[in-house]
Structures are given as structure tokens and as C-alpha cells.
C-alpha atoms as a PDB file:
ATOM      1  CA  MET A   1      -4.615   6.341 -14.697  1.00  0.00           C
ATOM      2  CA  THR A   2      -6.303   9.397 -12.811  1.00  0.00           C
ATOM      3  CA  VAL A   3      -9.849   8.497 -11.232  1.00  0.00           C
ATOM      4  CA  GLY A   4     -12.346  10.586  -9.259  1.00  0.00           C
ATOM      5  CA  LEU A   5     -15.821  10.712  -8.352  1.00  0.00           C
ATOM      6  CA  GLY A   6     -17.892  11.477 -11.068  1.00  0.00           C
ATOM      7  CA  SER A   7     -20.022  14.487 -11.498  1.00  0.00           C
ATOM      8  CA  SER A   8     -22.655  12.513  -9.650  1.00  0.00           C
ATOM      9  CA  GLY A   9     -20.381  12.124  -6.759  1.00  0.00           C
ATOM     10  CA  VAL A  10     -20.426   8.149  -7.189  1.00  0.00           C
ATOM     11  CA  ILE A  11     -17.383   6.018  -7.534  1.00  0.00           C
ATOM     12  CA  PRO A  12     -16.958   5.185 -11.164  1.00  0.00           C
ATOM     13  CA  GLU A  13     -18.523   1.593 -12.257  1.00  0.00           C
ATOM     14  CA  LYS A  14     -15.318   0.649 -13.631  1.00  0.00           C
ATOM     15  CA  ASN A  15     -12.576   0.470 -11.234  1.00  0.00           C
ATOM     16  CA  HIS A  16     -10.219  -2.154  -9.879  1.00  0.00           C
ATOM     17  CA  PHE A  17     -12.234  -3.523  -7.287  1.00  0.00           C
ATOM     18  CA  SER A  18     -15.446  -4.029  -9.921  1.00  0.00           C
ATOM     19  CA  LEU A  19     -12.624  -5.789 -12.244  1.00  0.00           C
ATOM     20  CA  PHE A  20     -12.551  -8.553  -9.624  1.00  0.00           C
ATOM     21  CA  GLY A  21     -16.152  -8.372  -8.146  1.00  0.00           C
ATOM     22  CA  LEU A  22     -14.899  -6.929  -4.781  1.00  0.00           C
ATOM     23  CA  PRO A  23     -16.759  -4.484  -2.762  1.00  0.00           C
ATOM     24  CA  VAL A  24     -14.987  -0.953  -2.843  1.00  0.00           C
ATOM     25  CA  ARG A  25     -13.515  -0.716   0.515  1.00  0.00           C
ATOM     26  CA  PHE A  26     -10.015  -0.923   2.103  1.00  0.00           C
ATOM     27  CA  ALA A  27     -10.939  -3.972   4.424  1.00  0.00           C
ATOM     28  CA  LEU A  28     -10.400  -6.409   1.639  1.00  0.00           C
ATOM     29  CA  ASP A  29     -10.450 -10.265   1.441  1.00  0.00           C
ATOM     30  CA  LEU A  30      -7.093 -10.937   0.278  1.00  0.00           C
ATOM     31  CA  ALA A  31      -7.935 -14.618  -0.552  1.00  0.00           C
ATOM     32  CA  ALA A  32     -11.162 -13.501  -2.579  1.00  0.00           C
ATOM     33  CA  LEU A  33      -8.877 -11.051  -4.495  1.00  0.00           C
ATOM     34  CA  GLU A  34      -6.278 -14.016  -5.224  1.00  0.00           C
ATOM     35  CA  ARG A  35      -9.007 -16.196  -6.467  1.00  0.00           C
ATOM     36  CA  ALA A  36     -10.614 -13.484  -8.697  1.00  0.00           C
ATOM     37  CA  TRP A  37      -7.313 -12.472  -9.979  1.00  0.00           C
ATOM     38  CA  LYS A  38      -6.533 -16.067 -11.048  1.00  0.00           C
ATOM     39  CA  VAL A  39      -9.955 -16.329 -12.787  1.00  0.00           C
ATOM     40  CA  VAL A  40      -9.799 -12.745 -14.594  1.00  0.00           C
ATOM     41  CA  GLN A  41      -6.041 -13.218 -15.470  1.00  0.00           C
ATOM     42  CA  GLY A  42      -6.727 -16.808 -17.113  1.00  0.00           C
ATOM     43  CA  ALA A  43      -9.398 -15.111 -19.201  1.00  0.00           C
ATOM     44  CA  VAL A  44      -7.167 -12.126 -20.693  1.00  0.00           C
ATOM     45  CA  HIS A  45      -3.745 -13.937 -20.593  1.00  0.00           C
ATOM     46  CA  PRO A  46      -1.796 -13.464 -23.772  1.00  0.00           C
ATOM     47  CA  ASP A  47      -1.220 -17.181 -24.208  1.00  0.00           C
ATOM     48  CA  ARG A  48      -4.853 -17.576 -24.861  1.00  0.00           C
ATOM     49  CA  TYR A  49      -4.242 -15.274 -28.125  1.00  0.00           C
ATOM     50  CA  VAL A  50      -1.192 -16.893 -29.383  1.00  0.00           C
ATOM     51  CA  SER A  51      -2.804 -17.703 -32.794  1.00  0.00           C
ATOM     52  CA  ALA A  52      -4.946 -14.481 -33.020  1.00  0.00           C
ATOM     53  CA  PRO A  53      -4.313 -11.442 -35.051  1.00  0.00           C
ATOM     54  CA  GLU A  54      -1.531  -9.169 -33.865  1.00  0.00           C
ATOM     55  CA  SER A  55      -3.951  -6.332 -32.770  1.00  0.00           C
ATOM     56  CA  GLN A  56      -5.672  -8.976 -30.535  1.00  0.00           C
ATOM     57  CA  ARG A  57      -2.596 -10.181 -28.938  1.00  0.00           C
ATOM     58  CA  LEU A  58      -1.467  -6.779 -28.165  1.00  0.00           C
ATOM     59  CA  MET A  59      -4.662  -5.713 -26.575  1.00  0.00           C
ATOM     60  CA  ALA A  60      -4.564  -9.073 -24.476  1.00  0.00           C
ATOM     61  CA  LEU A  61      -1.072  -8.361 -23.582  1.00  0.00           C
ATOM     62  CA  GLN A  62      -2.221  -4.650 -22.497  1.00  0.00           C
ATOM     63  CA  ARG A  63      -5.424  -6.020 -20.717  1.00  0.00           C
ATOM     64  CA  ALA A  64      -3.342  -8.562 -18.862  1.00  0.00           C
ATOM     65  CA  THR A  65      -0.897  -5.695 -17.796  1.00  0.00           C
ATOM     66  CA  GLN A  66      -3.964  -3.644 -16.643  1.00  0.00           C
ATOM     67  CA  VAL A  67      -5.438  -6.918 -14.518  1.00  0.00           C
ATOM     68  CA  ASN A  68      -1.739  -7.392 -13.129  1.00  0.00           C
ATOM     69  CA  ASP A  69      -1.409  -3.533 -11.968  1.00  0.00           C
ATOM     70  CA  ALA A  70      -5.020  -3.819 -10.447  1.00  0.00           C
ATOM     71  CA  HIS A  71      -4.185  -6.934  -8.653  1.00  0.00           C
ATOM     72  CA  ASP A  72      -0.882  -5.430  -7.312  1.00  0.00           C
ATOM     73  CA  THR A  73      -2.879  -2.186  -6.227  1.00  0.00           C
ATOM     74  CA  LEU A  74      -5.465  -3.848  -4.175  1.00  0.00           C
ATOM     75  CA  LYS A  75      -3.026  -6.425  -2.765  1.00  0.00           C
ATOM     76  CA  ASP A  76      -0.956  -3.607  -1.249  1.00  0.00           C
ATOM     77  CA  PRO A  77      -2.394  -1.621   1.525  1.00  0.00           C
ATOM     78  CA  ILE A  78      -0.863   1.460   0.908  1.00  0.00           C
ATOM     79  CA  ARG A  79      -1.399   1.319  -2.794  1.00  0.00           C
ATOM     80  CA  ARG A  80      -5.116   0.163  -2.071  1.00  0.00           C
ATOM     81  CA  ALA A  81      -5.435   3.132   0.304  1.00  0.00           C
ATOM     82  CA  THR A  82      -3.831   5.622  -2.210  1.00  0.00           C
ATOM     83  CA  TYR A  83      -6.082   4.226  -5.145  1.00  0.00           C
ATOM     84  CA  LEU A  84      -9.333   4.593  -2.709  1.00  0.00           C
ATOM     85  CA  CYS A  85      -8.487   8.067  -1.941  1.00  0.00           C
ATOM     86  CA  GLY A  86      -8.222   8.786  -5.518  1.00  0.00           C
ATOM     87  CA  LEU A  87     -11.645   7.138  -6.173  1.00  0.00           C
ATOM     88  CA  TYR A  88     -12.834   9.770  -3.766  1.00  0.00           C
ATOM     89  CA  GLY A  89     -11.247  12.545  -5.475  1.00  0.00           C
ATOM     90  CA  VAL A  90      -8.361  13.149  -3.145  1.00  0.00           C
ATOM     91  CA  GLU A  91      -4.788  12.594  -3.964  1.00  0.00           C
ATOM     92  CA  VAL A  92      -2.275  11.494  -1.354  1.00  0.00           C
ATOM     93  CA  ASP A  93       0.483  13.296  -3.000  1.00  0.00           C
ATOM     94  CA  ALA A  94       2.986  12.006  -0.919  1.00  0.00           C
ATOM     95  CA  GLU A  95       5.929  13.427  -2.804  1.00  0.00           C
ATOM     96  CA  ARG A  96       5.068  17.058  -2.170  1.00  0.00           C
ATOM     97  CA  ASN A  97       2.703  16.833   0.867  1.00  0.00           C
ATOM     98  CA  THR A  98       5.196  15.718   3.486  1.00  0.00           C
ATOM     99  CA  SER A  99       3.538  17.633   6.598  1.00  0.00           C
ATOM    100  CA  MET A 100       3.116  15.596   9.749  1.00  0.00           C
ATOM    101  CA  PRO A 101       1.666  16.221  13.099  1.00  0.00           C
ATOM    102  CA  ALA A 102       4.258  17.440  15.529  1.00  0.00           C
ATOM    103  CA  ASP A 103       3.864  14.500  17.933  1.00  0.00           C
ATOM    104  CA  PHE A 104       4.498  12.054  15.223  1.00  0.00           C
ATOM    105  CA  LEU A 105       7.712  13.968  13.989  1.00  0.00           C
ATOM    106  CA  VAL A 106       9.102  13.810  17.596  1.00  0.00           C
ATOM    107  CA  GLN A 107       8.274   9.768  17.420  1.00  0.00           C
ATOM    108  CA  GLN A 108      10.162   9.565  14.127  1.00  0.00           C
ATOM    109  CA  MET A 109      13.052  11.122  15.777  1.00  0.00           C
ATOM    110  CA  GLU A 110      12.964   8.811  18.778  1.00  0.00           C
ATOM    111  CA  TRP A 111      12.493   5.955  16.639  1.00  0.00           C
ATOM    112  CA  ARG A 112      15.556   7.168  14.528  1.00  0.00           C
ATOM    113  CA  GLU A 113      17.674   7.525  17.412  1.00  0.00           C
ATOM    114  CA  SER A 114      16.789   4.065  18.719  1.00  0.00           C
ATOM    115  CA  LEU A 115      17.618   2.439  15.362  1.00  0.00           C
ATOM    116  CA  GLU A 116      20.947   4.224  15.561  1.00  0.00           C
ATOM    117  CA  ASP A 117      21.902   3.419  18.949  1.00  0.00           C
ATOM    118  CA  ALA A 118      20.745  -0.225  18.744  1.00  0.00           C
ATOM    119  CA  ALA A 119      23.005  -0.460  15.463  1.00  0.00           C
ATOM    120  CA  ALA A 120      26.035   1.290  17.135  1.00  0.00           C
ATOM    121  CA  THR A 121      25.764  -1.036  20.075  1.00  0.00           C
ATOM    122  CA  LYS A 122      24.694  -4.144  18.039  1.00  0.00           C
ATOM    123  CA  ASP A 123      22.044  -4.826  20.146  1.00  0.00           C
ATOM    124  CA  LEU A 124      19.525  -7.274  18.501  1.00  0.00           C
ATOM    125  CA  GLU A 125      17.078  -7.206  21.309  1.00  0.00           C
ATOM    126  CA  ALA A 126      16.665  -3.215  21.108  1.00  0.00           C
ATOM    127  CA  LEU A 127      15.940  -3.815  17.346  1.00  0.00           C
ATOM    128  CA  SER A 128      13.435  -6.411  17.968  1.00  0.00           C
ATOM    129  CA  GLN A 129      11.613  -4.284  20.419  1.00  0.00           C
ATOM    130  CA  LEU A 130      11.892  -1.348  17.952  1.00  0.00           C
ATOM    131  CA  ASP A 131      10.485  -3.522  15.136  1.00  0.00           C
ATOM    132  CA  GLN A 132       7.684  -4.916  17.230  1.00  0.00           C
ATOM    133  CA  GLU A 133       6.847  -1.087  18.097  1.00  0.00           C
ATOM    134  CA  VAL A 134       6.673  -0.072  14.586  1.00  0.00           C
ATOM    135  CA  VAL A 135       4.736  -3.148  13.431  1.00  0.00           C
ATOM    136  CA  SER A 136       2.290  -2.152  16.112  1.00  0.00           C
ATOM    137  CA  ALA A 137       2.092   1.207  14.839  1.00  0.00           C
ATOM    138  CA  ILE A 138       1.674  -0.078  11.355  1.00  0.00           C
ATOM    139  CA  ALA A 139      -1.437  -2.204  12.457  1.00  0.00           C
ATOM    140  CA  GLU A 140      -2.881   0.909  14.254  1.00  0.00           C
ATOM    141  CA  SER A 141      -2.405   3.003  11.211  1.00  0.00           C
ATOM    142  CA  GLU A 142      -4.094   0.480   8.767  1.00  0.00           C
ATOM    143  CA  LEU A 143      -6.938   0.104  11.101  1.00  0.00           C
ATOM    144  CA  LEU A 144      -7.409   3.918  11.083  1.00  0.00           C
ATOM    145  CA  ILE A 145      -7.399   3.964   7.318  1.00  0.00           C
ATOM    146  CA  GLU A 146      -9.796   1.298   7.199  1.00  0.00           C
ATOM    147  CA  HIS A 147     -12.127   3.281   9.374  1.00  0.00           C
ATOM    148  CA  LEU A 148     -11.661   6.440   7.539  1.00  0.00           C
ATOM    149  CA  LEU A 149     -12.222   4.982   4.096  1.00  0.00           C
ATOM    150  CA  ASP A 150     -14.971   2.362   4.818  1.00  0.00           C
ATOM    151  CA  LYS A 151     -17.414   4.383   6.732  1.00  0.00           C
ATOM    152  CA  THR A 152     -20.043   6.125   5.042  1.00  0.00           C
ATOM    153  CA  PRO A 153     -19.357   8.870   4.013  1.00  0.00           C
ATOM    154  CA  ALA A 154     -15.396   8.119   3.828  1.00  0.00           C
ATOM    155  CA  ASP A 155     -13.121  10.613   4.943  1.00  0.00           C
ATOM    156  CA  ALA A 156     -10.623  10.359   2.394  1.00  0.00           C
ATOM    157  CA  ILE A 157      -8.876  13.809   3.359  1.00  0.00           C
ATOM    158  CA  ARG A 158      -8.048  12.297   6.842  1.00  0.00           C
ATOM    159  CA  ALA A 159      -7.123   8.906   5.276  1.00  0.00           C
ATOM    160  CA  ALA A 160      -4.814  10.690   2.997  1.00  0.00           C
ATOM    161  CA  ASP A 161      -2.789  12.221   5.799  1.00  0.00           C
ATOM    162  CA  GLU A 162      -2.856   8.659   7.615  1.00  0.00           C
ATOM    163  CA  ILE A 163      -1.772   7.038   4.324  1.00  0.00           C
ATOM    164  CA  ARG A 164       1.478   9.388   4.239  1.00  0.00           C
ATOM    165  CA  ARG A 165       2.097   8.298   7.846  1.00  0.00           C
ATOM    166  CA  LEU A 166       1.777   4.668   7.139  1.00  0.00           C
ATOM    167  CA  MET A 167       4.166   5.239   4.138  1.00  0.00           C
ATOM    168  CA  PHE A 168       6.959   6.288   6.644  1.00  0.00           C
ATOM    169  CA  LEU A 169       6.060   3.599   9.113  1.00  0.00           C
ATOM    170  CA  SER A 170       6.627   1.072   6.429  1.00  0.00           C
ATOM    171  CA  LYS A 171       9.445   2.407   4.917  1.00  0.00           C
ATOM    172  CA  PHE A 172      11.143   2.676   8.700  1.00  0.00           C
ATOM    173  CA  SER A 173       9.928  -0.857   9.324  1.00  0.00           C
ATOM    174  CA  GLY A 174      12.214  -1.982   6.304  1.00  0.00           C
ATOM    175  CA  GLN A 175      15.189  -0.084   7.660  1.00  0.00           C
ATOM    176  CA  VAL A 176      14.981  -1.725  11.183  1.00  0.00           C
ATOM    177  CA  ARG A 177      14.632  -5.298   9.531  1.00  0.00           C
ATOM    178  CA  ASP A 178      17.598  -4.410   7.067  1.00  0.00           C
ATOM    179  CA  GLU A 179      19.816  -3.385  10.351  1.00  0.00           C
ATOM    180  CA  GLN A 180      18.608  -6.770  12.025  1.00  0.00           C
ATOM    181  CA  ARG A 181      19.748  -8.714   9.049  1.00  0.00           C
ATOM    182  CA  ARG A 182      22.958  -6.994   8.984  1.00  0.00           C
ATOM    183  CA  LEU A 183      23.842  -7.798  12.584  1.00  0.00           C
ATOM    184  CA  ARG A 184      22.773 -11.366  12.187  1.00  0.00           C
ATOM    185  CA  ASP A 185      24.987 -11.728   9.210  1.00  0.00           C
ATOM    186  CA  GLY A 186      27.780  -9.437  10.945  1.00  0.00           C
ATOM    187  CA  ALA A 187      27.984  -7.051   8.172  1.00  0.00           C
ATOM    188  CA  ALA A 188      28.699  -3.210   9.160  1.00  0.00           C
ATOM    189  CA  SER A 189      25.854  -0.755   9.524  1.00  0.00           C
ATOM    190  CA  ASP A 190      25.144   2.117   7.231  1.00  0.00           C
ATOM    191  CA  PHE A 191      24.560   4.597  10.047  1.00  0.00           C
END
């Protein structure tokens, strides 16, 4: 679903946030999301329509799928931020827009070298330090995205750039943790 600002420059009334009665913002109360999701999901769950005509059963299945997709989108920080940017009329377009600031590219190269060195020397302590560094960078990135999207007016263009950075950080964090698991399990590295 492609969503953008309406002609009035206002976020559409029907969106993932309104579905769960939540404010349109990146900083989200995840416990409130879970509670609201259970209520909404319970109301539209296909099991409630077992004896209904087939058309109603299909509609219930579609609605339950939409509710689950909305929940999954809002629960995940990257998907939530990307969705918010879309509400503000800005596409993240991470597949085609891969440009990053030079200092971040240098940081990426340093982290990759650190990962390769730690894997080659089977240094779990170095991997742990690298993991902490990346987790800290993820937290900083999420705070910046929150600031950019939750301020008035939102700066969705800068947020989209930061989301692309966060995508790299999250993927790289997974690689570091995979390497930690491999070393703990005694498996050979893919590097």
C-alpha cells in the first residue's frame, strides 16, 4: 500500500497507527501496541466467521492479514520508520538509494575489517566489543530517527537517510552475532 500526505498535507485518517488507536509517531509504546493488536485481531479473526458465508470468511481473512501486517510494521523500528516516512510522502528507497556520508562509509570499512580480524583470530572478546559498538550505534540511530520524525514538522527526508544507515547497522549487527555463534559453536567462518 502506497501512502502519502493527502492534498491537504495531512496524514490520512486511516493508517496503521489509527487502526490500533495509537499516536502517529516513531516513539511507540510497544506494550500498548500489543494490547491493541490483541483486541483488534480478536475482533477480526477468521475463526469468528467459520459459519458465515464464504465472502465474509474471505473478508475476515483479508482483514486479519492487514491487521497482522500493520502490527508487524509498527513493532519493527525500521519498518515503522519507513512507514512513517511514507505517510509524510518520502520513500526510503533503500534498494536504489545506497548513498551514505563518507565518514559512515569509512566506519563501515573499519567495522568490517574488525569483524574479519576477530573471525580470523577467533577472538570472542573483540567480537563482543564490536557488537557493543554496533548496538550503541543502532540506539543512537533510532534516537535520531525519533527526533526527526516526531518533531513538528517532521524531517522525513533526513529520517529516510538515517533509516538507510540503520538498515546497514541492523544487518551488520546480525553478521557480528552470527560470527559470535559460529565461534562459540566451533564452526568455521564464512569470511
